Amino acid sequence: NQDGSREFPENFTGDERRGRLEGEAFFEVAQNPAKPFVLETGPIEVKVLGTSFNVRSFPNEPAVQVFVKTGKVQVKLMGSGKIYNLAPGDMLVFPKKEKTANVAPAPSGNAVGWKEGKLRFKETPLKEILAQVQQQFGVAFDLAGASKLDCPFTISIEQKNWKDALQALAASCPLEFVQVGENKIRVSGRCCE
């Protein structure tokens, strides 16, 4: 569990295993066709028989994400009752204000990066790299002084040395990363010139 809260009974009773989540967590569910695992999180319900998957559902974020690593997952939108079936590698993104969700292959394979402590990017725009580092490693970037952040980069960034990775990016692109708080970095300069 990365952040947030979980509620599960000590012993599952009845014909299903049911729990609740607020935040982000990675689950590995044991196969048991007689007792499906059902996870309630905000506006969706996730139902599985045996699989591993990641759910991100924070109250202050505009969308809920479900990523399937192994097995199959069924996601039900509580409001409309629509059901989506996800296969390994699929990511469902459900904007809370919408009535439908989007299912597509997970971008850049980083859906469980927070759990593994490593992000991998292949020809990914710098702006997206910074957004994922910010989201997964708990750092805030101030981009007010930066522009032209659409250059594609191929890079691996580990949680333990992400600052070194930023300096490598700065060396190949005229950008400056300055720490202005415990977890805040000011970015200035122009890239892709």
Protein backbone atom coordinates (compact mmCIF):
# COMPACT_ATOMS: atom_id res chain seq x y z
CA ASN A 1 0.00 0.00 0.00
CA GLN A 2 1.60 3.28 -1.08
CA ASP A 3 -0.78 5.72 0.55
CA GLY A 4 -4.37 5.97 1.77
CA SER A 5 -6.51 3.47 3.66
CA ARG A 6 -7.80 -0.08 3.24
CA GLU A 7 -10.65 -1.90 4.94
CA PHE A 8 -10.82 -5.72 4.93
CA PRO A 9 -12.48 -8.15 7.34
CA GLU A 10 -10.20 -10.44 9.36
CA ASN A 11 -11.98 -13.45 7.90
CA PHE A 12 -13.92 -13.39 4.64
CA THR A 13 -17.43 -14.86 5.01
CA GLY A 14 -20.17 -15.50 2.48
CA ASP A 15 -19.68 -16.13 -1.22
CA GLU A 16 -17.14 -13.38 -1.96
CA ARG A 17 -14.06 -11.65 -0.54
CA ARG A 18 -14.88 -7.93 -0.29
CA GLY A 19 -12.81 -4.91 0.76
CA ARG A 20 -12.55 -1.13 0.34
CA LEU A 21 -9.67 1.11 -0.75
CA GLU A 22 -8.89 4.82 -0.69
CA GLY A 23 -5.47 5.63 -2.12
CA GLU A 24 -3.20 3.34 -4.15
CA ALA A 25 -2.37 -0.33 -3.61
CA PHE A 26 -1.07 -3.35 -5.50
CA PHE A 27 -2.98 -6.61 -4.95
CA GLU A 28 -2.06 -10.24 -5.58
CA VAL A 29 -5.25 -12.28 -5.24
CA ALA A 30 -5.20 -16.04 -4.74
CA GLN A 31 -7.27 -18.06 -7.21
CA ASN A 32 -10.60 -19.13 -5.70
CA PRO A 33 -13.47 -19.43 -8.22
CA ALA A 34 -15.94 -20.08 -5.41
CA LYS A 35 -15.11 -16.76 -3.71
CA PRO A 36 -14.33 -13.86 -6.09
CA PHE A 37 -12.43 -10.89 -4.65
CA VAL A 38 -14.40 -7.61 -4.88
CA LEU A 39 -12.77 -4.25 -4.17
CA GLU A 40 -14.87 -1.11 -3.75
CA THR A 41 -13.05 2.15 -4.40
CA GLY A 42 -14.90 5.42 -4.89
CA PRO A 43 -17.06 5.25 -8.01
CA ILE A 44 -15.96 1.78 -9.19
CA GLU A 45 -16.02 -1.85 -8.13
CA VAL A 46 -13.22 -4.25 -9.15
CA LYS A 47 -13.98 -7.99 -9.30
CA VAL A 48 -11.34 -10.69 -9.78
CA LEU A 49 -10.93 -14.44 -9.38
CA GLY A 50 -7.13 -14.71 -9.22
CA THR A 51 -4.78 -12.01 -10.48
CA SER A 52 -2.39 -9.20 -9.60
CA PHE A 53 -3.41 -5.61 -10.22
CA ASN A 54 -2.86 -2.01 -9.12
CA VAL A 55 -5.60 0.45 -8.17
CA ARG A 56 -5.11 4.21 -7.78
CA SER A 57 -8.12 6.02 -6.31
CA PHE A 58 -7.46 9.20 -4.35
CA PRO A 59 -10.41 11.49 -3.47
CA ASN A 60 -8.49 14.61 -4.61
CA GLU A 61 -7.58 13.23 -8.05
CA PRO A 62 -9.96 13.56 -11.04
CA ALA A 63 -9.68 9.94 -12.23
CA VAL A 64 -9.48 6.38 -10.95
CA GLN A 65 -6.92 3.98 -12.51
CA VAL A 66 -6.89 0.17 -12.57
CA PHE A 67 -3.89 -1.66 -14.05
CA VAL A 68 -3.83 -5.45 -14.55
CA LYS A 69 -0.43 -7.16 -14.26
CA THR A 70 -1.58 -10.80 -14.44
CA GLY A 71 -4.92 -12.56 -14.80
CA LYS A 72 -8.20 -10.86 -15.67
CA VAL A 73 -10.17 -8.14 -13.89
CA GLN A 74 -13.74 -6.93 -14.23
CA VAL A 75 -14.45 -3.28 -13.40
CA LYS A 76 -17.99 -2.01 -12.79
CA LEU A 77 -18.84 1.70 -12.82
CA MET A 78 -21.16 2.14 -9.85
CA GLY A 79 -23.05 5.08 -11.37
CA SER A 80 -23.94 3.66 -14.79
CA GLY A 81 -23.50 -0.06 -14.12
CA LYS A 82 -21.18 -0.37 -17.15
CA ILE A 83 -18.78 -3.31 -16.98
CA TYR A 84 -15.27 -3.48 -18.46
CA ASN A 85 -13.14 -6.62 -18.75
CA LEU A 86 -9.38 -6.04 -18.50
CA ALA A 87 -6.59 -8.37 -19.65
CA PRO A 88 -2.90 -8.36 -18.57
CA GLY A 89 -1.21 -5.06 -19.50
CA ASP A 90 -4.51 -3.17 -19.73
CA MET A 91 -5.14 0.06 -17.86
CA LEU A 92 -8.60 1.46 -17.21
CA VAL A 93 -8.85 5.21 -16.60
CA PHE A 94 -12.19 6.48 -15.32
CA PRO A 95 -12.58 10.28 -15.06
CA LYS A 96 -14.97 10.67 -12.12
CA LYS A 97 -17.10 13.28 -13.91
CA GLU A 98 -17.70 11.01 -16.91
CA LYS A 99 -20.09 8.09 -17.44
CA THR A 100 -17.64 5.93 -19.37
CA ALA A 101 -14.07 4.74 -18.87
CA ASN A 102 -11.19 4.25 -21.30
CA VAL A 103 -9.28 0.96 -21.51
CA ALA A 104 -5.93 0.83 -23.31
CA PRO A 105 -2.48 -0.77 -22.93
CA ALA A 106 -0.70 0.85 -19.97
CA PRO A 107 1.67 3.59 -21.18
CA SER A 108 5.43 3.04 -20.72
CA GLY A 109 4.96 0.12 -18.30
CA ASN A 110 5.12 2.27 -15.15
CA ALA A 111 1.72 1.47 -13.64
CA VAL A 112 3.36 -0.20 -10.64
CA GLY A 113 6.52 1.93 -10.61
CA TRP A 114 5.85 3.17 -7.06
CA LYS A 115 5.90 -0.45 -5.84
CA GLU A 116 9.13 -1.35 -7.66
CA GLY A 117 10.85 1.99 -6.99
CA LYS A 118 11.89 2.28 -10.64
CA LEU A 119 10.45 4.07 -13.67
CA ARG A 120 11.43 3.26 -17.26
CA PHE A 121 10.83 5.56 -20.20
CA LYS A 122 11.32 4.98 -23.92
CA GLU A 123 11.11 7.99 -26.24
CA THR A 124 8.83 9.71 -23.70
CA PRO A 125 8.29 13.51 -23.66
CA LEU A 126 10.18 15.17 -20.79
CA LYS A 127 6.96 16.73 -19.49
CA GLU A 128 5.45 13.24 -19.03
CA ILE A 129 8.64 11.95 -17.38
CA LEU A 130 8.53 14.78 -14.82
CA ALA A 131 4.81 14.19 -14.23
CA GLN A 132 5.39 10.50 -13.47
CA VAL A 133 8.40 11.19 -11.22
CA GLN A 134 6.26 13.71 -9.36
CA GLN A 135 3.37 11.28 -9.01
CA GLN A 136 5.37 8.18 -8.08
CA PHE A 137 8.23 9.55 -5.96
CA GLY A 138 6.44 12.29 -4.00
CA VAL A 139 8.33 15.29 -5.38
CA ALA A 140 6.73 18.51 -6.65
CA PHE A 141 8.07 20.28 -9.74
CA ASP A 142 7.57 24.02 -10.28
CA LEU A 143 7.62 24.32 -14.09
CA ALA A 144 6.74 28.05 -14.26
CA GLY A 145 10.25 28.96 -15.47
CA ALA A 146 10.60 26.12 -17.97
CA SER A 147 9.37 25.73 -21.53
CA LYS A 148 9.65 23.40 -24.52
CA LEU A 149 9.47 20.21 -22.43
CA ASP A 150 8.29 17.95 -25.26
CA CYS A 151 11.69 16.38 -26.12
CA PRO A 152 11.58 12.56 -26.07
CA PHE A 153 13.99 10.75 -23.74
CA THR A 154 14.83 7.11 -23.05
CA ILE A 155 15.88 6.77 -19.42
CA SER A 156 15.47 4.65 -16.28
CA ILE A 157 14.94 6.50 -13.00
CA GLU A 158 15.23 4.78 -9.63
CA GLN A 159 13.66 6.23 -6.51
CA LYS A 160 16.95 6.07 -4.61
CA ASN A 161 18.84 8.22 -7.14
CA TRP A 162 16.20 10.21 -9.06
CA LYS A 163 18.10 13.48 -8.41
CA ASP A 164 21.13 12.09 -10.29
CA ALA A 165 18.84 11.17 -13.19
CA LEU A 166 17.50 14.73 -13.29
CA GLN A 167 21.05 16.08 -13.51
CA ALA A 168 21.70 13.73 -16.44
CA LEU A 169 18.61 15.13 -18.15
CA ALA A 170 19.75 18.69 -17.42
CA ALA A 171 23.16 17.96 -18.95
CA SER A 172 21.59 16.89 -22.24
CA CYS A 173 19.04 19.69 -22.30
CA PRO A 174 19.68 23.29 -21.18
CA LEU A 175 17.56 23.01 -18.04
CA GLU A 176 18.31 23.75 -14.40
CA PHE A 177 16.82 21.80 -11.48
CA VAL A 178 17.04 23.73 -8.18
CA GLN A 179 15.79 22.33 -4.88
CA VAL A 180 13.65 25.01 -3.18
CA GLY A 181 12.09 22.88 -0.44
CA GLU A 182 12.34 19.43 1.08
CA ASN A 183 10.42 17.86 -1.80
CA LYS A 184 10.07 20.78 -4.22
CA ILE A 185 12.21 21.34 -7.33
CA ARG A 186 12.15 24.49 -9.46
CA VAL A 187 12.75 23.80 -13.15
CA SER A 188 14.01 26.60 -15.42
CA GLY A 189 15.30 26.90 -18.98
CA ARG A 190 14.23 25.69 -22.39
CA CYS A 191 14.51 22.24 -23.89
CA CYS A 192 14.35 21.05 -27.54
CA GLU A 193 16.12 24.11 -28.90
